[in-house]
Amino acid sequence: MGIGEHFVILECQCGHSSTSWLADWPEHTRTHWGVRDEAMARLRCSVCGRVGRPAEVRFGWSAGPKPGREHVRGG
C-alpha cells in the first residue's frame, strides 16, 4: 500500500470548489486531522470573495503520496 496524504475539499456557497493538500496549509492553521475553526472563519472564496466557513468541507486521504513526493517516506 502506498503512503497517502490528507487533503481537504472546500465548497463555497457560490458553488466554487477548491481542493488542496493539508500539508500545504501553514502549520498554525491546521490540526493533525483537519483545519482549525479560527482558520475556517478567515477563509475567502477566490471567486465570489465571501469570507467565512465554506458551505461544505470534506477531508480525505489519498491512495498515494501527492505528486512530486513519491520518494519521501512518511510525508
Protein backbone atom coordinates (compact mmCIF):
# COMPACT_ATOMS: atom_id res chain seq x y z
CA MET A 1 0.00 0.00 0.00
CA GLY A 2 1.31 3.45 -0.90
CA ILE A 3 1.81 6.26 1.54
CA GLY A 4 -1.22 8.53 1.40
CA GLU A 5 -1.72 12.16 2.30
CA HIS A 6 -4.60 14.17 3.79
CA PHE A 7 -6.47 16.53 1.51
CA VAL A 8 -9.32 18.98 2.03
CA ILE A 9 -12.12 19.92 -0.35
CA LEU A 10 -13.80 23.27 0.33
CA GLU A 11 -17.02 24.33 -1.39
CA CYS A 12 -18.29 27.90 -1.11
CA GLN A 13 -21.97 28.83 -1.03
CA CYS A 14 -21.48 30.20 -4.57
CA GLY A 15 -20.63 26.66 -5.73
CA HIS A 16 -16.90 27.18 -6.27
CA SER A 17 -14.89 24.18 -5.10
CA SER A 18 -11.21 24.00 -4.17
CA THR A 19 -9.07 21.00 -3.25
CA SER A 20 -5.70 21.24 -1.50
CA TRP A 21 -3.21 19.09 0.36
CA LEU A 22 -3.49 19.62 4.10
CA ALA A 23 0.31 19.51 4.42
CA ASP A 24 0.49 22.65 2.24
CA TRP A 25 -1.52 24.68 4.77
CA PRO A 26 0.52 26.69 7.30
CA GLU A 27 1.04 24.64 10.46
CA HIS A 28 -0.76 27.15 12.70
CA THR A 29 -3.97 26.77 10.61
CA ARG A 30 -4.31 23.01 10.85
CA THR A 31 -4.55 20.14 13.27
CA HIS A 32 -3.30 16.62 12.65
CA TRP A 33 -6.62 15.67 11.03
CA GLY A 34 -8.16 18.93 9.86
CA VAL A 35 -8.28 22.71 9.79
CA ARG A 36 -8.66 24.85 12.91
CA ASP A 37 -12.00 26.63 13.38
CA GLU A 38 -10.23 30.00 13.54
CA ALA A 39 -8.70 29.38 10.11
CA MET A 40 -12.05 28.29 8.65
CA ALA A 41 -13.60 31.56 9.82
CA ARG A 42 -10.99 33.56 7.87
CA LEU A 43 -11.17 31.69 4.55
CA ARG A 44 -12.04 33.77 1.49
CA CYS A 45 -13.54 32.38 -1.73
CA SER A 46 -11.31 33.17 -4.71
CA VAL A 47 -14.37 33.54 -6.97
CA CYS A 48 -17.08 35.45 -5.07
CA GLY A 49 -14.95 36.92 -2.24
CA ARG A 50 -17.16 35.56 0.55
CA VAL A 51 -15.34 35.31 3.89
CA GLY A 52 -16.09 32.62 6.45
CA ARG A 53 -16.61 28.92 6.81
CA PRO A 54 -17.34 27.24 3.46
CA ALA A 55 -20.76 25.72 2.83
CA GLU A 56 -19.17 22.26 2.72
CA VAL A 57 -15.86 20.92 4.00
CA ARG A 58 -14.67 17.39 3.22
CA PHE A 59 -11.44 15.72 4.27
CA GLY A 60 -9.94 12.67 2.68
CA TRP A 61 -6.88 10.51 2.40
CA SER A 62 -5.18 9.89 -0.94
CA ALA A 63 -4.23 6.42 -2.11
CA GLY A 64 -0.62 7.54 -2.53
CA PRO A 65 1.68 10.50 -1.97
CA LYS A 66 0.98 13.83 -3.59
CA PRO A 67 2.74 14.32 -6.95
CA GLY A 68 6.41 15.13 -6.54
CA ARG A 69 6.69 13.45 -3.14
CA GLU A 70 6.79 9.82 -4.26
CA HIS A 71 10.34 9.47 -2.91
CA VAL A 72 9.59 10.92 0.53
CA ARG A 73 8.57 8.35 3.13
CA GLY A 74 6.35 9.43 5.98
CA GLY A 75 5.26 12.73 4.47
